[in-house]
C-alpha atoms as a PDB file:
ATOM      1  CA  MET A   1      87.820 111.091  49.710  1.00  0.00           C
ATOM      2  CA  ASN A   2      85.045 109.510  51.777  1.00  0.00           C
ATOM      3  CA  ASP A   3      83.316 112.504  53.427  1.00  0.00           C
ATOM      4  CA  GLU A   4      81.964 110.244  56.169  1.00  0.00           C
ATOM      5  CA  PHE A   5      85.467 109.320  57.318  1.00  0.00           C
ATOM      6  CA  LYS A   6      87.164 111.662  59.772  1.00  0.00           C
ATOM      7  CA  SER A   7      90.804 111.894  60.813  1.00  0.00           C
ATOM      8  CA  GLY A   8      93.259 114.115  62.590  1.00  0.00           C
ATOM      9  CA  PHE A   9      96.361 114.453  64.732  1.00  0.00           C
ATOM     10  CA  ALA A  10      96.242 114.954  68.495  1.00  0.00           C
ATOM     11  CA  ALA A  11      99.157 115.867  70.755  1.00  0.00           C
ATOM     12  CA  ILE A  12      99.213 114.576  74.325  1.00  0.00           C
ATOM     13  CA  ILE A  13     101.066 117.089  76.501  1.00  0.00           C
ATOM     14  CA  GLY A  14     101.425 117.712  80.205  1.00  0.00           C
ATOM     15  CA  PRO A  15     103.946 117.880  83.024  1.00  0.00           C
ATOM     16  CA  PRO A  16     106.244 114.916  83.784  1.00  0.00           C
ATOM     17  CA  ASN A  17     104.559 111.848  85.281  1.00  0.00           C
ATOM     18  CA  ALA A  18     100.996 112.992  84.504  1.00  0.00           C
ATOM     19  CA  GLY A  19     100.307 109.634  82.840  1.00  0.00           C
ATOM     20  CA  LYS A  20     100.580 110.550  79.164  1.00  0.00           C
ATOM     21  CA  SER A  21     102.342 107.362  78.093  1.00  0.00           C
ATOM     22  CA  THR A  22     100.032 105.171  80.178  1.00  0.00           C
ATOM     23  CA  LEU A  23      97.090 106.849  78.429  1.00  0.00           C
ATOM     24  CA  LEU A  24      98.521 106.230  74.954  1.00  0.00           C
ATOM     25  CA  ASN A  25      99.190 102.569  75.754  1.00  0.00           C
ATOM     26  CA  LYS A  26      95.636 102.138  77.105  1.00  0.00           C
ATOM     27  CA  ILE A  27      94.082 103.734  74.012  1.00  0.00           C
ATOM     28  CA  LEU A  28      96.098 101.557  71.637  1.00  0.00           C
ATOM     29  CA  GLY A  29      95.829  98.363  73.678  1.00  0.00           C
ATOM     30  CA  GLU A  30      99.550  97.897  73.071  1.00  0.00           C
ATOM     31  CA  LYS A  31     102.730  98.617  75.024  1.00  0.00           C
ATOM     32  CA  LEU A  32     104.192 101.341  72.858  1.00  0.00           C
ATOM     33  CA  ALA A  33     105.390 104.107  75.178  1.00  0.00           C
ATOM     34  CA  ILE A  34     107.653 103.767  78.189  1.00  0.00           C
ATOM     35  CA  VAL A  35     105.831 103.797  81.519  1.00  0.00           C
ATOM     36  CA  SER A  36     107.511 104.405  84.875  1.00  0.00           C
ATOM     37  CA  PRO A  37     106.639 105.887  88.265  1.00  0.00           C
ATOM     38  CA  LYS A  38     109.654 108.150  87.787  1.00  0.00           C
ATOM     39  CA  PRO A  39     109.054 111.447  85.935  1.00  0.00           C
ATOM     40  CA  GLN A  40     110.528 112.499  82.580  1.00  0.00           C
ATOM     41  CA  THR A  41     110.735 108.991  81.147  1.00  0.00           C
ATOM     42  CA  THR A  42     109.519 109.737  77.613  1.00  0.00           C
ATOM     43  CA  ARG A  43     112.337 111.370  75.638  1.00  0.00           C
ATOM     44  CA  ASN A  44     111.047 111.299  72.056  1.00  0.00           C
ATOM     45  CA  ARG A  45     107.762 112.029  70.366  1.00  0.00           C
ATOM     46  CA  ILE A  46     105.970 108.744  69.785  1.00  0.00           C
ATOM     47  CA  LEU A  47     103.245 108.330  67.177  1.00  0.00           C
ATOM     48  CA  GLY A  48     100.404 105.985  68.047  1.00  0.00           C
ATOM     49  CA  VAL A  49      97.470 105.447  65.682  1.00  0.00           C
ATOM     50  CA  TYR A  50      93.954 104.628  66.917  1.00  0.00           C
ATOM     51  CA  HIS A  51      91.561 103.175  64.340  1.00  0.00           C
ATOM     52  CA  GLY A  52      87.864 103.796  64.977  1.00  0.00           C
ATOM     53  CA  ASP A  53      84.994 102.505  62.823  1.00  0.00           C
ATOM     54  CA  LYS A  54      84.794 105.650  60.698  1.00  0.00           C
ATOM     55  CA  TYR A  55      87.650 107.709  62.033  1.00  0.00           C
ATOM     56  CA  GLN A  56      91.372 107.644  62.727  1.00  0.00           C
ATOM     57  CA  ILE A  57      93.310 109.542  65.397  1.00  0.00           C
ATOM     58  CA  ALA A  58      97.077 109.842  65.195  1.00  0.00           C
ATOM     59  CA  PHE A  59      98.346 110.585  68.698  1.00  0.00           C
ATOM     60  CA  LEU A  60     101.700 112.186  69.456  1.00  0.00           C
ATOM     61  CA  ASP A  61     102.889 111.282  72.947  1.00  0.00           C
ATOM     62  CA  THR A  62     105.440 113.845  74.058  1.00  0.00           C
ATOM     63  CA  PRO A  63     108.060 114.273  76.774  1.00  0.00           C
ATOM     64  CA  GLY A  64     106.825 116.067  79.885  1.00  0.00           C
ATOM     65  CA  ILE A  65     107.046 119.850  79.650  1.00  0.00           C
ATOM     66  CA  HIS A  66     109.096 121.131  82.568  1.00  0.00           C
ATOM     67  CA  ARG A  67     111.819 123.596  83.511  1.00  0.00           C
ATOM     68  CA  THR A  68     115.038 122.395  81.954  1.00  0.00           C
ATOM     69  CA  LYS A  69     118.583 121.981  83.260  1.00  0.00           C
ATOM     70  CA  THR A  70     120.554 119.694  80.953  1.00  0.00           C
ATOM     71  CA  VAL A  71     120.962 119.587  77.177  1.00  0.00           C
ATOM     72  CA  LEU A  72     118.956 116.346  77.175  1.00  0.00           C
ATOM     73  CA  HIS A  73     116.022 117.907  79.026  1.00  0.00           C
ATOM     74  CA  LYS A  74     116.043 120.938  76.701  1.00  0.00           C
ATOM     75  CA  SER A  75     115.901 118.555  73.739  1.00  0.00           C
ATOM     76  CA  MET A  76     112.944 116.736  75.327  1.00  0.00           C
ATOM     77  CA  VAL A  77     110.957 119.925  75.958  1.00  0.00           C
ATOM     78  CA  THR A  78     111.674 121.257  72.456  1.00  0.00           C
ATOM     79  CA  SER A  79     110.320 117.989  71.045  1.00  0.00           C
ATOM     80  CA  ALA A  80     107.101 118.404  73.017  1.00  0.00           C
ATOM     81  CA  MET A  81     106.624 122.049  72.035  1.00  0.00           C
ATOM     82  CA  GLU A  82     107.181 121.316  68.338  1.00  0.00           C
ATOM     83  CA  ALA A  83     104.542 118.581  68.402  1.00  0.00           C
ATOM     84  CA  VAL A  84     101.830 121.085  69.294  1.00  0.00           C
ATOM     85  CA  SER A  85     102.421 123.054  66.084  1.00  0.00           C
ATOM     86  CA  GLU A  86     101.759 119.952  63.973  1.00  0.00           C
ATOM     87  CA  VAL A  87      98.385 118.790  65.303  1.00  0.00           C
ATOM     88  CA  ASP A  88      94.648 119.455  65.006  1.00  0.00           C
ATOM     89  CA  ILE A  89      93.688 118.775  68.637  1.00  0.00           C
ATOM     90  CA  LEU A  90      95.540 119.295  71.914  1.00  0.00           C
ATOM     91  CA  LEU A  91      95.088 117.048  74.953  1.00  0.00           C
ATOM     92  CA  ILE A  92      96.476 118.527  78.162  1.00  0.00           C
ATOM     93  CA  VAL A  93      96.865 115.844  80.823  1.00  0.00           C
ATOM     94  CA  MET A  94      96.883 116.738  84.508  1.00  0.00           C
ATOM     95  CA  ASP A  95      97.485 114.555  87.547  1.00  0.00           C
ATOM     96  CA  ILE A  96      94.520 115.011  89.900  1.00  0.00           C
ATOM     97  CA  THR A  97      96.770 114.140  92.848  1.00  0.00           C
ATOM     98  CA  HIS A  98      98.993 117.170  92.045  1.00  0.00           C
ATOM     99  CA  THR A  99      96.524 120.010  91.497  1.00  0.00           C
ATOM    100  CA  HIS A 100      99.027 122.726  92.460  1.00  0.00           C
ATOM    101  CA  ASP A 101     101.627 121.907  89.817  1.00  0.00           C
ATOM    102  CA  GLU A 102     103.661 124.860  88.568  1.00  0.00           C
ATOM    103  CA  ASP A 103     104.607 123.068  85.335  1.00  0.00           C
ATOM    104  CA  PHE A 104     100.918 122.370  84.606  1.00  0.00           C
ATOM    105  CA  ASP A 105      99.910 125.980  85.281  1.00  0.00           C
ATOM    106  CA  ASN A 106     102.687 127.175  82.960  1.00  0.00           C
ATOM    107  CA  ILE A 107     101.375 124.889  80.208  1.00  0.00           C
ATOM    108  CA  LEU A 108      97.869 126.316  80.580  1.00  0.00           C
ATOM    109  CA  ARG A 109      99.180 129.876  80.343  1.00  0.00           C
ATOM    110  CA  GLN A 110     101.261 129.048  77.294  1.00  0.00           C
ATOM    111  CA  TYR A 111      98.361 127.568  75.322  1.00  0.00           C
ATOM    112  CA  LYS A 112      95.582 129.851  76.563  1.00  0.00           C
ATOM    113  CA  ASN A 113      95.074 131.426  73.136  1.00  0.00           C
ATOM    114  CA  ILE A 114      95.885 128.483  70.874  1.00  0.00           C
ATOM    115  CA  ASN A 115      93.499 128.256  67.913  1.00  0.00           C
ATOM    116  CA  ILE A 116      92.850 124.499  67.918  1.00  0.00           C
ATOM    117  CA  PRO A 117      90.439 122.516  70.134  1.00  0.00           C
ATOM    118  CA  VAL A 118      91.878 121.791  73.581  1.00  0.00           C
ATOM    119  CA  ILE A 119      90.624 118.974  75.842  1.00  0.00           C
ATOM    120  CA  LEU A 120      91.614 118.796  79.499  1.00  0.00           C
ATOM    121  CA  VAL A 121      92.233 115.217  80.600  1.00  0.00           C
ATOM    122  CA  ILE A 122      92.082 114.844  84.381  1.00  0.00           C
ATOM    123  CA  ASN A 123      94.002 111.642  85.065  1.00  0.00           C
ATOM    124  CA  LYS A 124      94.400 109.298  88.051  1.00  0.00           C
ATOM    125  CA  ILE A 125      90.815 109.626  89.296  1.00  0.00           C
ATOM    126  CA  ASP A 126      91.219 106.104  90.720  1.00  0.00           C
ATOM    127  CA  LYS A 127      93.406 107.685  93.409  1.00  0.00           C
ATOM    128  CA  ILE A 128      90.821 110.158  94.771  1.00  0.00           C
ATOM    129  CA  THR A 129      87.246 110.181  96.107  1.00  0.00           C
ATOM    130  CA  PRO A 130      84.539 111.507  93.705  1.00  0.00           C
ATOM    131  CA  GLU A 131      83.756 114.556  95.854  1.00  0.00           C
ATOM    132  CA  LYS A 132      87.296 115.862  95.281  1.00  0.00           C
ATOM    133  CA  LEU A 133      86.836 115.857  91.504  1.00  0.00           C
ATOM    134  CA  LEU A 134      83.982 118.355  91.037  1.00  0.00           C
ATOM    135  CA  PRO A 135      85.789 121.393  92.515  1.00  0.00           C
ATOM    136  CA  VAL A 136      88.746 120.726  90.189  1.00  0.00           C
ATOM    137  CA  ILE A 137      86.476 120.534  87.129  1.00  0.00           C
ATOM    138  CA  ASP A 138      84.690 123.712  88.220  1.00  0.00           C
ATOM    139  CA  HIS A 139      87.968 125.567  88.753  1.00  0.00           C
ATOM    140  CA  TYR A 140      89.531 124.723  85.398  1.00  0.00           C
ATOM    141  CA  SER A 141      86.312 125.254  83.428  1.00  0.00           C
ATOM    142  CA  LYS A 142      86.517 128.892  84.575  1.00  0.00           C
ATOM    143  CA  GLU A 143      90.264 129.211  83.966  1.00  0.00           C
ATOM    144  CA  PHE A 144      90.314 128.027  80.356  1.00  0.00           C
ATOM    145  CA  THR A 145      87.887 127.552  77.453  1.00  0.00           C
ATOM    146  CA  PHE A 146      88.204 123.802  76.968  1.00  0.00           C
ATOM    147  CA  LYS A 147      86.201 121.930  74.354  1.00  0.00           C
ATOM    148  CA  ALA A 148      85.737 119.258  77.010  1.00  0.00           C
ATOM    149  CA  ILE A 149      87.002 118.276  80.440  1.00  0.00           C
ATOM    150  CA  VAL A 150      87.272 114.493  80.749  1.00  0.00           C
ATOM    151  CA  PRO A 151      88.129 112.688  84.006  1.00  0.00           C
ATOM    152  CA  ILE A 152      89.866 109.362  83.412  1.00  0.00           C
ATOM    153  CA  SER A 153      92.051 106.701  84.899  1.00  0.00           C
ATOM    154  CA  ALA A 154      94.627 105.786  82.269  1.00  0.00           C
ATOM    155  CA  LEU A 155      95.667 102.903  84.509  1.00  0.00           C
ATOM    156  CA  THR A 156      92.237 101.213  84.697  1.00  0.00           C
ATOM    157  CA  GLY A 157      90.773 102.594  81.463  1.00  0.00           C
ATOM    158  CA  ASN A 158      87.867 104.297  83.223  1.00  0.00           C
ATOM    159  CA  GLY A 159      86.730 107.257  81.085  1.00  0.00           C
ATOM    160  CA  VAL A 160      89.012 106.512  78.126  1.00  0.00           C
ATOM    161  CA  ASP A 161      86.110 105.606  75.797  1.00  0.00           C
ATOM    162  CA  GLY A 162      84.481 108.901  76.710  1.00  0.00           C
ATOM    163  CA  LEU A 163      87.700 110.724  75.896  1.00  0.00           C
ATOM    164  CA  LEU A 164      87.840 109.078  72.465  1.00  0.00           C
ATOM    165  CA  SER A 165      84.240 110.178  71.833  1.00  0.00           C
ATOM    166  CA  GLU A 166      85.118 113.777  72.688  1.00  0.00           C
ATOM    167  CA  ILE A 167      88.135 113.697  70.368  1.00  0.00           C
ATOM    168  CA  GLU A 168      86.021 112.227  67.562  1.00  0.00           C
ATOM    169  CA  LYS A 169      83.631 115.193  67.826  1.00  0.00           C
ATOM    170  CA  GLU A 170      86.497 117.547  66.984  1.00  0.00           C
ATOM    171  CA  LEU A 171      87.783 115.623  63.952  1.00  0.00           C
ATOM    172  CA  GLU A 172      87.238 116.977  60.452  1.00  0.00           C
ATOM    173  CA  PRO A 173      86.509 114.864  57.346  1.00  0.00           C
ATOM    174  CA  GLY A 174      89.844 113.546  56.148  1.00  0.00           C
ATOM    175  CA  PRO A 175      91.805 110.618  54.720  1.00  0.00           C
ATOM    176  CA  GLU A 176      92.888 107.409  56.397  1.00  0.00           C
ATOM    177  CA  TYR A 177      96.509 108.499  56.838  1.00  0.00           C
ATOM    178  CA  TYR A 178      97.752 105.112  58.038  1.00  0.00           C
ATOM    179  CA  PRO A 179      96.764 101.528  57.142  1.00  0.00           C
ATOM    180  CA  ARG A 180      94.589  99.814  59.753  1.00  0.00           C
ATOM    181  CA  GLU A 181      97.288  97.319  60.734  1.00  0.00           C
ATOM    182  CA  MET A 182      99.681 100.143  61.647  1.00  0.00           C
ATOM    183  CA  ILE A 183      99.701 101.512  65.196  1.00  0.00           C
ATOM    184  CA  THR A 184     103.041 103.363  65.139  1.00  0.00           C
ATOM    185  CA  ASP A 185     105.629 104.758  62.759  1.00  0.00           C
ATOM    186  CA  GLN A 186     108.460 103.854  65.105  1.00  0.00           C
ATOM    187  CA  PRO A 187     110.852 101.131  63.886  1.00  0.00           C
ATOM    188  CA  GLU A 188     111.118  97.941  65.905  1.00  0.00           C
ATOM    189  CA  ASP A 189     114.553  98.860  67.273  1.00  0.00           C
ATOM    190  CA  PHE A 190     113.037 101.978  68.869  1.00  0.00           C
ATOM    191  CA  VAL A 191     110.331  99.913  70.574  1.00  0.00           C
ATOM    192  CA  ILE A 192     112.962  97.407  71.776  1.00  0.00           C
ATOM    193  CA  ALA A 193     115.198 100.157  73.155  1.00  0.00           C
ATOM    194  CA  GLU A 194     112.287 101.816  74.968  1.00  0.00           C
ATOM    195  CA  ILE A 195     111.247  98.572  76.660  1.00  0.00           C
ATOM    196  CA  ILE A 196     114.811  97.948  77.854  1.00  0.00           C
ATOM    197  CA  ARG A 197     115.067 101.528  79.080  1.00  0.00           C
ATOM    198  CA  GLU A 198     111.822 101.147  81.006  1.00  0.00           C
ATOM    199  CA  LYS A 199     113.256  98.175  82.891  1.00  0.00           C
ATOM    200  CA  ILE A 200     116.316 100.233  83.792  1.00  0.00           C
ATOM    201  CA  TYR A 201     113.939 102.757  85.390  1.00  0.00           C
ATOM    202  CA  TYR A 202     112.245 100.049  87.426  1.00  0.00           C
ATOM    203  CA  LYS A 203     115.350  98.140  88.475  1.00  0.00           C
ATOM    204  CA  THR A 204     117.808 100.942  89.283  1.00  0.00           C
ATOM    205  CA  LYS A 205     117.639 104.006  91.483  1.00  0.00           C
ATOM    206  CA  ARG A 206     119.027 107.505  91.970  1.00  0.00           C
ATOM    207  CA  GLU A 207     120.646 109.071  88.905  1.00  0.00           C
ATOM    208  CA  ILE A 208     121.042 105.919  86.830  1.00  0.00           C
ATOM    209  CA  PRO A 209     117.773 105.991  84.833  1.00  0.00           C
ATOM    210  CA  TYR A 210     118.315 109.576  83.690  1.00  0.00           C
ATOM    211  CA  SER A 211     121.883 108.824  82.628  1.00  0.00           C
ATOM    212  CA  ALA A 212     121.051 105.709  80.613  1.00  0.00           C
ATOM    213  CA  ALA A 213     120.326 105.352  76.902  1.00  0.00           C
ATOM    214  CA  VAL A 214     119.838 102.194  74.870  1.00  0.00           C
ATOM    215  CA  THR A 215     120.866 101.386  71.311  1.00  0.00           C
ATOM    216  CA  VAL A 216     119.983  98.188  69.485  1.00  0.00           C
ATOM    217  CA  LEU A 217     122.999  96.615  67.787  1.00  0.00           C
ATOM    218  CA  ASP A 218     121.451  93.646  66.002  1.00  0.00           C
ATOM    219  CA  ILE A 219     118.094  91.936  65.416  1.00  0.00           C
ATOM    220  CA  LYS A 220     117.907  88.497  63.830  1.00  0.00           C
ATOM    221  CA  GLU A 221     114.793  86.363  63.390  1.00  0.00           C
ATOM    222  CA  ASN A 222     114.933  82.576  63.078  1.00  0.00           C
ATOM    223  CA  PRO A 223     111.460  81.450  61.873  1.00  0.00           C
ATOM    224  CA  GLN A 224     112.379  77.763  62.160  1.00  0.00           C
ATOM    225  CA  LYS A 225     113.044  78.157  65.892  1.00  0.00           C
ATOM    226  CA  ASN A 226     110.348  80.814  66.400  1.00  0.00           C
ATOM    227  CA  LEU A 227     113.130  82.956  67.898  1.00  0.00           C
ATOM    228  CA  LEU A 228     114.098  86.613  67.783  1.00  0.00           C
ATOM    229  CA  SER A 229     117.713  87.296  68.801  1.00  0.00           C
ATOM    230  CA  ILE A 230     118.437  90.847  69.944  1.00  0.00           C
ATOM    231  CA  SER A 231     121.720  92.464  70.927  1.00  0.00           C
ATOM    232  CA  ALA A 232     121.567  95.866  72.651  1.00  0.00           C
ATOM    233  CA  ARG A 233     123.883  98.263  74.450  1.00  0.00           C
ATOM    234  CA  ILE A 234     123.137 100.343  77.545  1.00  0.00           C
ATOM    235  CA  HIS A 235     125.032 103.651  77.527  1.00  0.00           C
ATOM    236  CA  VAL A 236     125.823 105.379  80.826  1.00  0.00           C
ATOM    237  CA  GLU A 237     127.905 108.405  81.775  1.00  0.00           C
ATOM    238  CA  SER A 238     130.511 106.959  84.157  1.00  0.00           C
ATOM    239  CA  GLU A 239     132.305 103.793  85.205  1.00  0.00           C
ATOM    240  CA  SER A 240     130.461 103.821  88.552  1.00  0.00           C
ATOM    241  CA  GLN A 241     127.104 103.863  86.729  1.00  0.00           C
ATOM    242  CA  LYS A 242     128.289 101.029  84.511  1.00  0.00           C
ATOM    243  CA  GLY A 243     129.099  99.042  87.636  1.00  0.00           C
ATOM    244  CA  ILE A 244     125.578  99.616  88.986  1.00  0.00           C
ATOM    245  CA  ILE A 245     123.990  98.579  85.682  1.00  0.00           C
ATOM    246  CA  ILE A 246     126.030  95.359  85.575  1.00  0.00           C
ATOM    247  CA  GLY A 247     125.624  94.641  89.287  1.00  0.00           C
ATOM    248  CA  LYS A 248     127.514  92.195  91.475  1.00  0.00           C
ATOM    249  CA  GLY A 249     128.372  89.157  89.387  1.00  0.00           C
ATOM    250  CA  GLY A 250     126.226  90.558  86.542  1.00  0.00           C
ATOM    251  CA  LYS A 251     123.036  90.240  88.603  1.00  0.00           C
ATOM    252  CA  MET A 252     121.490  93.626  87.730  1.00  0.00           C
ATOM    253  CA  ILE A 253     121.981  93.442  83.965  1.00  0.00           C
ATOM    254  CA  ARG A 254     120.501  89.922  84.003  1.00  0.00           C
ATOM    255  CA  GLU A 255     117.447  91.196  85.894  1.00  0.00           C
ATOM    256  CA  ILE A 256     117.008  94.055  83.421  1.00  0.00           C
ATOM    257  CA  GLY A 257     117.346  91.620  80.524  1.00  0.00           C
ATOM    258  CA  LYS A 258     114.875  89.112  81.966  1.00  0.00           C
ATOM    259  CA  ALA A 259     112.206  91.767  82.606  1.00  0.00           C
ATOM    260  CA  ALA A 260     112.697  93.271  79.130  1.00  0.00           C
ATOM    261  CA  ARG A 261     112.581  89.859  77.441  1.00  0.00           C
ATOM    262  CA  ILE A 262     109.174  89.083  78.988  1.00  0.00           C
ATOM    263  CA  ASP A 263     107.675  92.291  77.552  1.00  0.00           C
ATOM    264  CA  LEU A 264     109.410  91.879  74.201  1.00  0.00           C
ATOM    265  CA  GLU A 265     107.926  88.410  73.798  1.00  0.00           C
ATOM    266  CA  LYS A 266     104.458  89.869  74.413  1.00  0.00           C
ATOM    267  CA  VAL A 267     105.019  92.645  71.868  1.00  0.00           C
ATOM    268  CA  PHE A 268     106.472  90.486  69.091  1.00  0.00           C
ATOM    269  CA  GLY A 269     104.613  87.238  69.811  1.00  0.00           C
ATOM    270  CA  ILE A 270     107.779  85.177  69.513  1.00  0.00           C
ATOM    271  CA  HIS A 271     110.481  83.778  71.802  1.00  0.00           C
ATOM    272  CA  VAL A 272     113.235  86.324  72.429  1.00  0.00           C
ATOM    273  CA  PHE A 273     116.922  85.875  73.209  1.00  0.00           C
ATOM    274  CA  LEU A 274     118.243  89.187  74.543  1.00  0.00           C
ATOM    275  CA  GLU A 275     121.927  89.997  74.978  1.00  0.00           C
ATOM    276  CA  LEU A 276     122.773  93.201  76.867  1.00  0.00           C
ATOM    277  CA  GLN A 277     126.084  94.979  77.349  1.00  0.00           C
ATOM    278  CA  ALA A 278     127.004  98.242  79.090  1.00  0.00           C
ATOM    279  CA  LYS A 279     129.271 101.014  77.804  1.00  0.00           C
ATOM    280  CA  VAL A 280     130.451 104.350  79.209  1.00  0.00           C
ATOM    281  CA  GLU A 281     129.554 107.348  77.005  1.00  0.00           C
ATOM    282  CA  LYS A 282     131.040 110.058  79.200  1.00  0.00           C
ATOM    283  CA  ASN A 283     128.619 112.912  80.058  1.00  0.00           C
ATOM    284  CA  TRP A 284     126.409 112.116  77.066  1.00  0.00           C
ATOM    285  CA  THR A 285     123.342 113.945  78.477  1.00  0.00           C
ATOM    286  CA  ARG A 286     125.319 117.214  78.378  1.00  0.00           C
ATOM    287  CA  ASN A 287     126.873 116.784  74.953  1.00  0.00           C
ATOM    288  CA  THR A 288     124.898 117.741  71.839  1.00  0.00           C
ATOM    289  CA  LYS A 289     126.989 115.480  69.574  1.00  0.00           C
ATOM    290  CA  SER A 290     126.453 112.479  71.862  1.00  0.00           C
ATOM    291  CA  LEU A 291     122.716 113.218  72.050  1.00  0.00           C
ATOM    292  CA  ARG A 292     122.460 113.082  68.256  1.00  0.00           C
ATOM    293  CA  LYS A 293     124.504 109.888  68.169  1.00  0.00           C
ATOM    294  CA  LEU A 294     122.120 108.228  70.627  1.00  0.00           C
ATOM    295  CA  GLY A 295     119.005 109.421  68.818  1.00  0.00           C
ATOM    296  CA  TYR A 296     117.925 112.510  70.774  1.00  0.00           C
END
């Protein structure tokens, strides 16, 4: 082992909509995790690997930790909690625009005595004036023994390099766990499904995004035509939701497909033909068997 090389695993946790997925995408320079203004969008743990000059950080982006109601939400929170037991460093992300967040305070209490380095990441500083930041830093530095408190904007990238420097300080000498060309362990169908699901969040409203899952049915590449053909299915819980997803004359599902195709072409660097269909999977968010079937 090269003693000069350092590596480790870091979990990114926090309440819903704190900006965890936006942060991971900014660090990696790739669209890997689903991003939406709606909370509770990440449902699975997502591994993203950052390759420094003499170090490697494997990040686990997790679902937002929050009080749970449905079987799906309980599965999401369990996934986040399990991630913490597997890592060397813990990043707790807070939204500076929601300083009185009960979910965030519960997270701090839960990990007050954890025996790994903890870094507080104060996100969304682009949305406040600088004089509002110092009292928050002062307050939380007294509440918790953090290795560092790092203000950032995951959206603009401000402070992210400083965050990486603070994480590097906490890494131990270790192996290069992943090859340098690898940024995630997720298969391509997972990335495809997440991008489609993100567009459902943006294009639909009310209960639809939280009742929708995506499975990829088929992926075929045609190198001669520089074309990737993808067939995917959107699962919803009721016929009325299916009608909303399809839209009048198929307008909504076409809009979802067009928006997803644009991102998919950026990710894969190839022309994409995307075929979407909708199917009712009755009450799947409340059924453990259906959750397993759909990958949760």
